[in-house]
């Protein structure tokens, strides 16, 4: 894991040097908030889809039509199964990931495709927790508001398999969020 972190840091530094050569601001940090819709598959039970507020942070580097971004999101969902009383168990769901964005070249408004990989974790109240690697894919739109700020909207599909109480838990999660980035 340390080896990957060092490689990512070296890559970001190289991209940073390239960004200075183009004379533009390329590092960004931001906040995000929105909606998370989660569908669970566990012990052959049919779960109802649950939606919850999500929040998170992001930081990255953008060079020309590409961006590499580290992000963290968190959402707390209530578990609901048809005809079964779970006393409103809650699943705390979070993701720490790395995404690659490919921007389409338009002035001011930048649509993009994103694909990412990260560490997903889920903790089901009074039942168990686990974390595992998973992937996400999505679409977004970033609107620049001057030299330093941008707002963005992004929709993603996240997929991960976890093991709770020695059973497989599959999480399919759709997120829709808005964010604000500051470029420096």
N, C-alpha and C. Protein backbone atom coordinates (compact mmCIF):
# COMPACT_ATOMS: atom_id res chain seq x y z
N UNK A 1 0.82 -1.18 0.00
CA UNK A 1 0.00 0.00 0.00
C UNK A 1 0.87 1.25 0.00
N UNK A 2 1.96 1.23 0.77
CA UNK A 2 2.85 2.38 0.82
C UNK A 2 3.48 2.64 -0.54
N UNK A 3 3.78 1.55 -1.26
CA UNK A 3 4.38 1.67 -2.58
C UNK A 3 3.45 2.42 -3.53
N UNK A 4 2.14 2.11 -3.47
CA UNK A 4 1.17 2.79 -4.32
C UNK A 4 1.04 4.27 -3.94
N UNK A 5 1.06 4.56 -2.65
CA UNK A 5 0.96 5.95 -2.21
C UNK A 5 2.15 6.77 -2.70
N UNK A 6 3.34 6.19 -2.67
CA UNK A 6 4.53 6.88 -3.16
C UNK A 6 4.42 7.11 -4.67
N UNK A 7 3.96 6.11 -5.41
CA UNK A 7 3.80 6.27 -6.86
C UNK A 7 2.79 7.37 -7.19
N UNK A 8 1.67 7.42 -6.47
CA UNK A 8 0.67 8.46 -6.70
C UNK A 8 1.26 9.83 -6.39
N UNK A 9 2.01 9.96 -5.30
CA UNK A 9 2.63 11.23 -4.94
C UNK A 9 3.62 11.69 -6.01
N UNK A 10 4.44 10.79 -6.52
CA UNK A 10 5.39 11.13 -7.58
C UNK A 10 4.64 11.58 -8.83
N UNK A 11 3.58 10.87 -9.19
CA UNK A 11 2.79 11.21 -10.37
C UNK A 11 2.16 12.60 -10.22
N UNK A 12 1.63 12.91 -9.04
CA UNK A 12 1.03 14.22 -8.80
C UNK A 12 2.08 15.32 -8.91
N UNK A 13 3.28 15.08 -8.39
CA UNK A 13 4.36 16.07 -8.49
C UNK A 13 4.76 16.32 -9.94
N UNK A 14 4.85 15.25 -10.73
CA UNK A 14 5.18 15.41 -12.15
C UNK A 14 4.10 16.20 -12.86
N UNK A 15 2.84 15.88 -12.59
CA UNK A 15 1.74 16.63 -13.18
C UNK A 15 1.76 18.08 -12.73
N UNK A 16 2.12 18.31 -11.48
CA UNK A 16 2.20 19.67 -10.96
C UNK A 16 3.25 20.49 -11.69
N UNK A 17 4.39 19.89 -11.96
CA UNK A 17 5.44 20.59 -12.71
C UNK A 17 4.97 20.89 -14.12
N UNK A 18 4.24 19.98 -14.72
CA UNK A 18 3.71 20.21 -16.07
C UNK A 18 2.68 21.32 -16.06
N UNK A 19 1.86 21.40 -15.01
CA UNK A 19 0.85 22.45 -14.91
C UNK A 19 1.47 23.83 -14.85
N UNK A 20 2.56 23.98 -14.10
CA UNK A 20 3.25 25.26 -14.04
C UNK A 20 3.77 25.67 -15.41
N UNK A 21 4.19 24.70 -16.21
CA UNK A 21 4.70 24.99 -17.54
C UNK A 21 3.61 25.58 -18.42
N UNK A 22 2.35 25.23 -18.19
CA UNK A 22 1.25 25.77 -18.98
C UNK A 22 0.71 27.06 -18.38
N UNK A 23 1.20 27.47 -17.21
CA UNK A 23 0.81 28.74 -16.62
C UNK A 23 -0.61 28.76 -16.08
N UNK A 24 -1.13 27.65 -15.65
CA UNK A 24 -2.50 27.63 -15.13
C UNK A 24 -2.53 27.04 -13.72
N UNK A 25 -3.61 27.32 -13.03
CA UNK A 25 -3.80 26.74 -11.71
C UNK A 25 -4.33 25.33 -11.90
N UNK A 26 -3.75 24.40 -11.22
CA UNK A 26 -4.11 23.01 -11.51
C UNK A 26 -4.47 22.20 -10.27
N UNK A 27 -4.02 22.58 -9.09
CA UNK A 27 -4.42 21.86 -7.88
C UNK A 27 -5.80 22.34 -7.47
N UNK A 28 -6.62 21.41 -6.97
CA UNK A 28 -7.94 21.82 -6.48
C UNK A 28 -8.30 21.05 -5.23
N UNK A 29 -9.11 21.69 -4.40
CA UNK A 29 -9.71 21.06 -3.23
C UNK A 29 -11.19 21.41 -3.28
N UNK A 30 -12.01 20.58 -2.69
CA UNK A 30 -13.43 20.88 -2.76
C UNK A 30 -14.26 20.12 -1.75
N UNK A 31 -15.51 20.57 -1.66
CA UNK A 31 -16.52 19.94 -0.82
C UNK A 31 -17.61 19.39 -1.72
N UNK A 32 -18.29 18.35 -1.25
CA UNK A 32 -19.39 17.78 -2.03
C UNK A 32 -20.49 17.33 -1.08
N UNK A 33 -21.69 17.39 -1.58
CA UNK A 33 -22.84 16.93 -0.83
C UNK A 33 -23.92 16.51 -1.81
N UNK A 34 -24.77 15.61 -1.40
CA UNK A 34 -25.81 15.18 -2.33
C UNK A 34 -26.63 14.03 -1.83
N UNK A 35 -26.94 13.13 -2.74
CA UNK A 35 -27.90 12.07 -2.53
C UNK A 35 -27.24 10.73 -2.86
N UNK A 36 -27.49 9.75 -2.01
CA UNK A 36 -26.98 8.40 -2.19
C UNK A 36 -28.16 7.43 -2.17
N UNK A 37 -28.26 6.58 -3.20
CA UNK A 37 -29.32 5.58 -3.28
C UNK A 37 -28.66 4.21 -3.27
N UNK A 38 -28.98 3.42 -2.28
CA UNK A 38 -28.28 2.17 -2.06
C UNK A 38 -29.21 0.97 -2.16
N UNK A 39 -28.73 -0.07 -2.83
CA UNK A 39 -29.46 -1.34 -2.93
C UNK A 39 -28.54 -2.43 -2.40
N UNK A 40 -29.01 -3.18 -1.41
CA UNK A 40 -28.22 -4.24 -0.79
C UNK A 40 -28.69 -5.60 -1.25
N UNK A 41 -27.77 -6.56 -1.27
CA UNK A 41 -28.06 -7.96 -1.53
C UNK A 41 -27.32 -8.75 -0.45
N UNK A 42 -28.07 -9.35 0.52
CA UNK A 42 -27.47 -10.01 1.66
C UNK A 42 -28.36 -11.16 2.11
N UNK A 43 -27.79 -12.35 2.22
CA UNK A 43 -28.51 -13.54 2.69
C UNK A 43 -29.80 -13.79 1.92
N UNK A 44 -29.79 -13.56 0.63
CA UNK A 44 -30.94 -13.77 -0.24
C UNK A 44 -32.20 -13.03 0.22
N UNK A 45 -32.02 -11.92 0.91
CA UNK A 45 -33.14 -11.09 1.32
C UNK A 45 -33.36 -10.01 0.26
N UNK A 46 -34.59 -9.60 0.09
CA UNK A 46 -34.92 -8.53 -0.84
C UNK A 46 -35.02 -7.22 -0.05
N UNK A 47 -34.02 -6.37 -0.20
CA UNK A 47 -33.98 -5.09 0.50
C UNK A 47 -34.66 -4.01 -0.32
N UNK A 48 -35.31 -3.10 0.36
CA UNK A 48 -35.85 -1.92 -0.29
C UNK A 48 -34.69 -0.97 -0.58
N UNK A 49 -34.80 -0.22 -1.68
CA UNK A 49 -33.79 0.79 -1.97
C UNK A 49 -33.91 1.89 -0.93
N UNK A 50 -32.78 2.39 -0.44
CA UNK A 50 -32.77 3.41 0.57
C UNK A 50 -31.95 4.60 0.09
N UNK A 51 -32.45 5.80 0.35
CA UNK A 51 -31.71 6.99 -0.02
C UNK A 51 -31.27 7.74 1.23
N UNK A 52 -30.16 8.44 1.12
CA UNK A 52 -29.62 9.19 2.26
C UNK A 52 -28.79 10.36 1.74
N UNK A 53 -28.57 11.32 2.62
CA UNK A 53 -27.70 12.45 2.31
C UNK A 53 -26.25 11.96 2.36
N UNK A 54 -25.43 12.39 1.43
CA UNK A 54 -24.00 12.09 1.48
C UNK A 54 -23.23 13.38 1.55
N UNK A 55 -22.04 13.30 2.10
CA UNK A 55 -21.15 14.45 2.14
C UNK A 55 -19.72 13.95 1.99
N UNK A 56 -18.84 14.86 1.60
CA UNK A 56 -17.46 14.45 1.44
C UNK A 56 -16.55 15.59 1.01
N UNK A 57 -15.31 15.21 0.77
CA UNK A 57 -14.27 16.15 0.34
C UNK A 57 -13.53 15.55 -0.84
N UNK A 58 -12.86 16.41 -1.58
CA UNK A 58 -12.07 15.97 -2.73
C UNK A 58 -10.84 16.86 -2.85
N UNK A 59 -9.80 16.32 -3.45
CA UNK A 59 -8.58 17.08 -3.75
C UNK A 59 -7.93 16.41 -4.95
N UNK A 60 -7.31 17.21 -5.80
CA UNK A 60 -6.68 16.62 -6.97
C UNK A 60 -5.86 17.59 -7.77
N UNK A 61 -5.51 17.12 -8.93
CA UNK A 61 -4.71 17.91 -9.86
C UNK A 61 -5.33 17.75 -11.24
N UNK A 62 -5.40 18.89 -11.96
CA UNK A 62 -5.96 18.85 -13.32
C UNK A 62 -4.94 19.43 -14.29
N UNK A 63 -4.69 18.66 -15.34
CA UNK A 63 -3.80 19.09 -16.42
C UNK A 63 -4.54 18.89 -17.73
N UNK A 64 -4.76 19.98 -18.44
CA UNK A 64 -5.44 19.97 -19.73
C UNK A 64 -6.77 19.23 -19.64
N UNK A 65 -6.89 18.06 -20.26
CA UNK A 65 -8.17 17.33 -20.33
C UNK A 65 -8.28 16.21 -19.32
N UNK A 66 -7.33 16.10 -18.39
CA UNK A 66 -7.33 15.01 -17.42
C UNK A 66 -7.26 15.56 -16.00
N UNK A 67 -7.81 14.82 -15.07
CA UNK A 67 -7.67 15.14 -13.66
C UNK A 67 -7.55 13.83 -12.89
N UNK A 68 -6.72 13.87 -11.86
CA UNK A 68 -6.63 12.76 -10.90
C UNK A 68 -7.11 13.34 -9.58
N UNK A 69 -8.04 12.62 -8.96
CA UNK A 69 -8.69 13.15 -7.78
C UNK A 69 -8.77 12.10 -6.69
N UNK A 70 -8.43 12.49 -5.48
CA UNK A 70 -8.67 11.67 -4.31
C UNK A 70 -9.95 12.18 -3.66
N UNK A 71 -10.82 11.29 -3.22
CA UNK A 71 -12.07 11.75 -2.62
C UNK A 71 -12.51 10.84 -1.48
N UNK A 72 -13.32 11.42 -0.62
CA UNK A 72 -13.91 10.69 0.49
C UNK A 72 -15.39 11.05 0.55
N UNK A 73 -16.25 10.05 0.63
CA UNK A 73 -17.68 10.30 0.82
C UNK A 73 -18.20 9.42 1.96
N UNK A 74 -19.27 9.89 2.61
CA UNK A 74 -19.87 9.15 3.70
C UNK A 74 -21.38 9.34 3.64
N UNK A 75 -22.12 8.26 3.89
CA UNK A 75 -23.58 8.30 3.94
C UNK A 75 -24.06 7.30 4.98
N UNK A 76 -25.17 7.59 5.62
CA UNK A 76 -25.77 6.68 6.61
C UNK A 76 -27.16 6.28 6.11
N UNK A 77 -27.32 5.02 5.76
CA UNK A 77 -28.57 4.49 5.22
C UNK A 77 -29.29 3.66 6.28
N UNK A 78 -30.62 3.68 6.24
CA UNK A 78 -31.42 2.78 7.07
C UNK A 78 -31.76 1.55 6.24
N UNK A 79 -31.66 0.38 6.85
CA UNK A 79 -31.91 -0.88 6.16
C UNK A 79 -33.38 -1.23 6.30
N UNK A 80 -34.01 -1.56 5.18
CA UNK A 80 -35.42 -1.90 5.18
C UNK A 80 -35.65 -3.13 4.31
N UNK A 81 -36.25 -4.17 4.90
CA UNK A 81 -36.55 -5.40 4.19
C UNK A 81 -38.07 -5.61 4.22
N UNK A 82 -38.63 -5.98 3.09
CA UNK A 82 -40.07 -6.24 3.02
C UNK A 82 -40.45 -7.34 4.01
N UNK A 83 -41.47 -7.10 4.80
CA UNK A 83 -42.03 -8.07 5.76
C UNK A 83 -41.08 -8.49 6.87
N UNK A 84 -40.00 -7.77 7.10
CA UNK A 84 -39.07 -8.10 8.19
C UNK A 84 -38.79 -6.83 8.97
N UNK A 85 -38.91 -6.89 10.30
CA UNK A 85 -38.63 -5.73 11.14
C UNK A 85 -37.18 -5.77 11.58
N UNK A 86 -36.40 -4.81 11.11
CA UNK A 86 -34.99 -4.74 11.48
C UNK A 86 -34.73 -3.63 12.49
N UNK A 87 -35.78 -3.10 13.09
CA UNK A 87 -35.63 -2.00 14.06
C UNK A 87 -34.80 -0.87 13.50
N UNK A 88 -35.02 -0.56 12.22
CA UNK A 88 -34.31 0.52 11.54
C UNK A 88 -32.79 0.47 11.74
N UNK A 89 -32.24 -0.68 11.48
CA UNK A 89 -30.78 -0.78 11.53
C UNK A 89 -30.19 0.23 10.57
N UNK A 90 -29.03 0.70 10.90
CA UNK A 90 -28.39 1.71 10.08
C UNK A 90 -27.08 1.16 9.53
N UNK A 91 -26.80 1.48 8.27
CA UNK A 91 -25.53 1.09 7.66
C UNK A 91 -24.74 2.36 7.38
N UNK A 92 -23.61 2.51 8.04
CA UNK A 92 -22.69 3.60 7.76
C UNK A 92 -21.81 3.16 6.60
N UNK A 93 -21.84 3.93 5.54
CA UNK A 93 -21.18 3.56 4.29
C UNK A 93 -20.22 4.68 3.92
N UNK A 94 -18.96 4.33 3.63
CA UNK A 94 -18.02 5.35 3.20
C UNK A 94 -17.06 4.81 2.16
N UNK A 95 -16.45 5.73 1.45
CA UNK A 95 -15.52 5.39 0.37
C UNK A 95 -14.36 6.36 0.40
N UNK A 96 -13.15 5.83 0.34
CA UNK A 96 -11.94 6.61 0.17
C UNK A 96 -11.35 6.13 -1.14
N UNK A 97 -11.36 6.99 -2.16
CA UNK A 97 -10.99 6.51 -3.49
C UNK A 97 -10.13 7.46 -4.29
N UNK A 98 -9.73 6.96 -5.42
CA UNK A 98 -8.93 7.69 -6.40
C UNK A 98 -9.65 7.58 -7.73
N UNK A 99 -9.89 8.72 -8.39
CA UNK A 99 -10.62 8.74 -9.65
C UNK A 99 -9.81 9.43 -10.73
N UNK A 100 -10.03 8.99 -11.94
CA UNK A 100 -9.45 9.63 -13.12
C UNK A 100 -10.59 10.24 -13.91
N UNK A 101 -10.45 11.51 -14.27
CA UNK A 101 -11.48 12.19 -15.06
C UNK A 101 -10.93 12.53 -16.44
N UNK A 102 -11.76 12.39 -17.44
CA UNK A 102 -11.45 12.80 -18.81
C UNK A 102 -12.46 13.87 -19.20
N UNK A 103 -11.96 15.11 -19.40
CA UNK A 103 -12.82 16.24 -19.73
C UNK A 103 -12.98 16.38 -21.23
N UNK A 104 -14.16 16.80 -21.64
CA UNK A 104 -14.41 17.15 -23.03
C UNK A 104 -14.12 18.64 -23.17
N UNK A 105 -13.43 19.05 -24.24
CA UNK A 105 -12.93 20.43 -24.35
C UNK A 105 -13.98 21.45 -24.77
N UNK A 106 -14.63 22.08 -23.77
CA UNK A 106 -15.55 23.19 -24.00
C UNK A 106 -15.11 24.33 -23.10
N UNK A 107 -15.26 25.58 -23.53
CA UNK A 107 -14.88 26.69 -22.65
C UNK A 107 -15.88 26.84 -21.51
N UNK A 108 -15.40 27.15 -20.34
CA UNK A 108 -16.17 27.39 -19.11
C UNK A 108 -16.92 26.17 -18.58
N UNK A 109 -17.66 25.46 -19.41
CA UNK A 109 -18.42 24.29 -18.98
C UNK A 109 -17.67 23.05 -19.46
N UNK A 110 -17.30 22.19 -18.53
CA UNK A 110 -16.52 21.00 -18.87
C UNK A 110 -17.24 19.72 -18.49
N UNK A 111 -17.91 19.06 -19.45
CA UNK A 111 -18.45 17.72 -19.16
C UNK A 111 -17.29 16.73 -19.05
N UNK A 112 -17.48 15.69 -18.24
CA UNK A 112 -16.40 14.72 -18.09
C UNK A 112 -16.93 13.33 -17.77
N UNK A 113 -16.07 12.35 -18.05
CA UNK A 113 -16.28 10.96 -17.67
C UNK A 113 -15.33 10.69 -16.52
N UNK A 114 -15.77 9.87 -15.58
CA UNK A 114 -14.91 9.54 -14.45
C UNK A 114 -14.96 8.04 -14.18
N UNK A 115 -13.83 7.50 -13.79
CA UNK A 115 -13.73 6.11 -13.39
C UNK A 115 -12.80 6.07 -12.18
N UNK A 116 -13.16 5.26 -11.20
CA UNK A 116 -12.36 5.25 -9.98
C UNK A 116 -12.31 3.90 -9.31
N UNK A 117 -11.41 3.84 -8.35
CA UNK A 117 -11.18 2.63 -7.58
C UNK A 117 -10.93 3.10 -6.15
N UNK A 118 -11.43 2.36 -5.19
CA UNK A 118 -11.20 2.80 -3.83
C UNK A 118 -11.53 1.75 -2.80
N UNK A 119 -11.42 2.17 -1.57
CA UNK A 119 -11.68 1.33 -0.42
C UNK A 119 -13.05 1.70 0.13
N UNK A 120 -13.97 0.78 0.07
CA UNK A 120 -15.32 0.98 0.57
C UNK A 120 -15.44 0.28 1.92
N UNK A 121 -16.18 0.88 2.83
CA UNK A 121 -16.41 0.27 4.14
C UNK A 121 -17.87 0.42 4.51
N UNK A 122 -18.40 -0.60 5.17
CA UNK A 122 -19.78 -0.56 5.65
C UNK A 122 -19.80 -1.12 7.06
N UNK A 123 -20.55 -0.47 7.92
CA UNK A 123 -20.73 -0.91 9.30
C UNK A 123 -22.23 -0.95 9.56
N UNK A 124 -22.77 -2.16 9.71
CA UNK A 124 -24.19 -2.33 9.99
C UNK A 124 -24.36 -2.40 11.51
N UNK A 125 -25.14 -1.45 12.02
CA UNK A 125 -25.33 -1.31 13.47
C UNK A 125 -25.72 -2.64 14.11
N UNK A 126 -24.95 -3.06 15.09
CA UNK A 126 -25.18 -4.28 15.88
C UNK A 126 -25.10 -5.57 15.07
N UNK A 127 -24.50 -5.53 13.89
CA UNK A 127 -24.40 -6.76 13.09
C UNK A 127 -22.96 -7.05 12.67
N UNK A 128 -22.26 -6.07 12.17
CA UNK A 128 -20.87 -6.28 11.78
C UNK A 128 -20.41 -5.23 10.78
N UNK A 129 -19.12 -5.31 10.45
CA UNK A 129 -18.55 -4.37 9.49
C UNK A 129 -17.47 -5.06 8.67
N UNK A 130 -17.14 -4.45 7.53
CA UNK A 130 -16.09 -4.96 6.66
C UNK A 130 -15.70 -3.83 5.71
N UNK A 131 -14.54 -3.99 5.09
CA UNK A 131 -14.12 -3.06 4.04
C UNK A 131 -13.46 -3.86 2.94
N UNK A 132 -13.55 -3.34 1.73
CA UNK A 132 -13.02 -4.04 0.57
C UNK A 132 -12.85 -3.03 -0.55
N UNK A 133 -12.08 -3.40 -1.54
CA UNK A 133 -11.90 -2.55 -2.71
C UNK A 133 -13.08 -2.70 -3.65
N UNK A 134 -13.39 -1.61 -4.34
CA UNK A 134 -14.48 -1.61 -5.31
C UNK A 134 -14.22 -0.57 -6.37
N UNK A 135 -15.15 -0.43 -7.29
CA UNK A 135 -14.96 0.51 -8.39
C UNK A 135 -16.17 1.43 -8.52
N UNK A 136 -15.98 2.51 -9.27
CA UNK A 136 -17.08 3.41 -9.59
C UNK A 136 -16.87 4.00 -10.97
N UNK A 137 -17.97 4.33 -11.64
CA UNK A 137 -17.96 4.98 -12.95
C UNK A 137 -19.02 6.07 -12.92
N UNK A 138 -18.79 7.13 -13.70
CA UNK A 138 -19.77 8.20 -13.68
C UNK A 138 -19.58 9.26 -14.74
N UNK A 139 -20.48 10.23 -14.69
CA UNK A 139 -20.48 11.39 -15.57
C UNK A 139 -20.59 12.64 -14.72
N UNK A 140 -20.01 13.73 -15.22
CA UNK A 140 -20.11 14.97 -14.47
C UNK A 140 -20.05 16.18 -15.37
N UNK A 141 -20.26 17.33 -14.76
CA UNK A 141 -20.22 18.61 -15.45
C UNK A 141 -19.63 19.62 -14.48
N UNK A 142 -18.57 20.30 -14.90
CA UNK A 142 -17.93 21.31 -14.08
C UNK A 142 -18.06 22.67 -14.76
N UNK A 143 -18.50 23.67 -14.00
CA UNK A 143 -18.68 25.03 -14.50
C UNK A 143 -17.71 25.94 -13.76
N UNK A 144 -16.81 26.58 -14.50
CA UNK A 144 -15.82 27.46 -13.88
C UNK A 144 -16.42 28.84 -13.64
N UNK A 145 -16.24 29.34 -12.42
CA UNK A 145 -16.73 30.65 -12.01
C UNK A 145 -15.52 31.54 -11.75
N UNK A 146 -14.89 31.97 -12.78
CA UNK A 146 -13.67 32.76 -12.62
C UNK A 146 -12.44 31.88 -12.61
N UNK A 147 -11.37 32.45 -12.12
CA UNK A 147 -10.07 31.78 -12.18
C UNK A 147 -9.89 30.70 -11.11
N UNK A 148 -10.50 30.90 -9.94
CA UNK A 148 -10.20 30.00 -8.82
C UNK A 148 -11.32 29.05 -8.43
N UNK A 149 -12.57 29.33 -8.82
CA UNK A 149 -13.68 28.52 -8.33
C UNK A 149 -14.42 27.81 -9.46
N UNK A 150 -14.99 26.69 -9.10
CA UNK A 150 -15.89 25.98 -10.02
C UNK A 150 -16.95 25.28 -9.19
N UNK A 151 -18.11 25.05 -9.81
CA UNK A 151 -19.14 24.21 -9.22
C UNK A 151 -19.29 23.01 -10.13
N UNK A 152 -19.71 21.91 -9.56
CA UNK A 152 -19.85 20.71 -10.38
C UNK A 152 -21.00 19.86 -9.90
N UNK A 153 -21.50 19.07 -10.83
CA UNK A 153 -22.50 18.06 -10.54
C UNK A 153 -21.99 16.74 -11.09
N UNK A 154 -22.22 15.66 -10.36
CA UNK A 154 -21.66 14.38 -10.77
C UNK A 154 -22.61 13.25 -10.38
N UNK A 155 -22.76 12.27 -11.26
CA UNK A 155 -23.53 11.07 -10.98
C UNK A 155 -22.60 9.87 -11.12
N UNK A 156 -22.63 8.97 -10.14
CA UNK A 156 -21.73 7.80 -10.15
C UNK A 156 -22.48 6.53 -9.77
N UNK A 157 -21.99 5.42 -10.30
CA UNK A 157 -22.41 4.10 -9.87
C UNK A 157 -21.22 3.50 -9.13
N UNK A 158 -21.44 3.04 -7.90
CA UNK A 158 -20.39 2.43 -7.06
C UNK A 158 -20.75 0.97 -6.82
N UNK A 159 -19.77 0.08 -6.88
CA UNK A 159 -20.03 -1.34 -6.66
C UNK A 159 -18.94 -1.93 -5.78
N UNK A 160 -19.36 -2.69 -4.75
CA UNK A 160 -18.40 -3.35 -3.87
C UNK A 160 -19.06 -4.58 -3.25
N UNK A 161 -18.28 -5.58 -2.95
CA UNK A 161 -18.73 -6.77 -2.23
C UNK A 161 -18.02 -6.84 -0.89
N UNK A 162 -18.79 -7.03 0.19
CA UNK A 162 -18.23 -7.09 1.54
C UNK A 162 -18.67 -8.39 2.19
N UNK A 163 -18.07 -8.70 3.34
CA UNK A 163 -18.44 -9.90 4.09
C UNK A 163 -18.86 -9.49 5.49
N UNK A 164 -20.16 -9.67 5.78
CA UNK A 164 -20.72 -9.36 7.09
C UNK A 164 -21.24 -10.65 7.70
N UNK A 165 -20.79 -10.96 8.90
CA UNK A 165 -21.21 -12.18 9.57
C UNK A 165 -20.99 -13.42 8.69
N UNK A 166 -19.86 -13.48 8.02
CA UNK A 166 -19.45 -14.58 7.16
C UNK A 166 -20.37 -14.79 5.95
N UNK A 167 -21.17 -13.80 5.61
CA UNK A 167 -22.02 -13.85 4.42
C UNK A 167 -21.65 -12.69 3.51
N UNK A 168 -21.83 -12.91 2.21
CA UNK A 168 -21.52 -11.86 1.24
C UNK A 168 -22.60 -10.79 1.23
N UNK A 169 -22.17 -9.54 1.29
CA UNK A 169 -23.04 -8.39 1.17
C UNK A 169 -22.60 -7.63 -0.08
N UNK A 170 -23.49 -7.53 -1.03
CA UNK A 170 -23.18 -6.77 -2.24
C UNK A 170 -23.88 -5.43 -2.15
N UNK A 171 -23.12 -4.36 -2.37
CA UNK A 171 -23.67 -3.01 -2.32
C UNK A 171 -23.60 -2.40 -3.70
N UNK A 172 -24.74 -2.00 -4.19
CA UNK A 172 -24.83 -1.23 -5.42
C UNK A 172 -25.33 0.14 -5.00
N UNK A 173 -24.53 1.15 -5.24
CA UNK A 173 -24.84 2.47 -4.74
C UNK A 173 -24.75 3.49 -5.87
N UNK A 174 -25.79 4.28 -6.02
CA UNK A 174 -25.81 5.37 -6.99
C UNK A 174 -25.71 6.67 -6.22
N UNK A 175 -24.83 7.56 -6.65
CA UNK A 175 -24.70 8.84 -5.98
C UNK A 175 -24.90 9.97 -6.99
N UNK A 176 -25.49 11.02 -6.50
CA UNK A 176 -25.68 12.24 -7.27
C UNK A 176 -25.30 13.37 -6.32
N UNK A 177 -24.27 14.12 -6.68
CA UNK A 177 -23.85 15.17 -5.77
C UNK A 177 -23.40 16.42 -6.50
N UNK A 178 -23.45 17.50 -5.74
CA UNK A 178 -22.97 18.80 -6.18
C UNK A 178 -21.73 19.14 -5.37
N UNK A 179 -20.86 19.91 -5.98
CA UNK A 179 -19.64 20.26 -5.27
C UNK A 179 -19.13 21.64 -5.64
N UNK A 180 -18.21 22.11 -4.85
CA UNK A 180 -17.54 23.38 -5.07
C UNK A 180 -16.05 23.12 -4.99
N UNK A 181 -15.31 23.53 -6.01
CA UNK A 181 -13.86 23.35 -6.04
C UNK A 181 -13.16 24.70 -5.98
N UNK A 182 -12.03 24.73 -5.33
CA UNK A 182 -11.15 25.90 -5.31
C UNK A 182 -9.83 25.49 -5.95
N UNK A 183 -9.44 26.20 -7.01
CA UNK A 183 -8.20 25.92 -7.74
C UNK A 183 -7.10 26.86 -7.24
N UNK A 184 -5.90 26.31 -7.06
CA UNK A 184 -4.74 27.12 -6.66
C UNK A 184 -3.48 26.61 -7.31
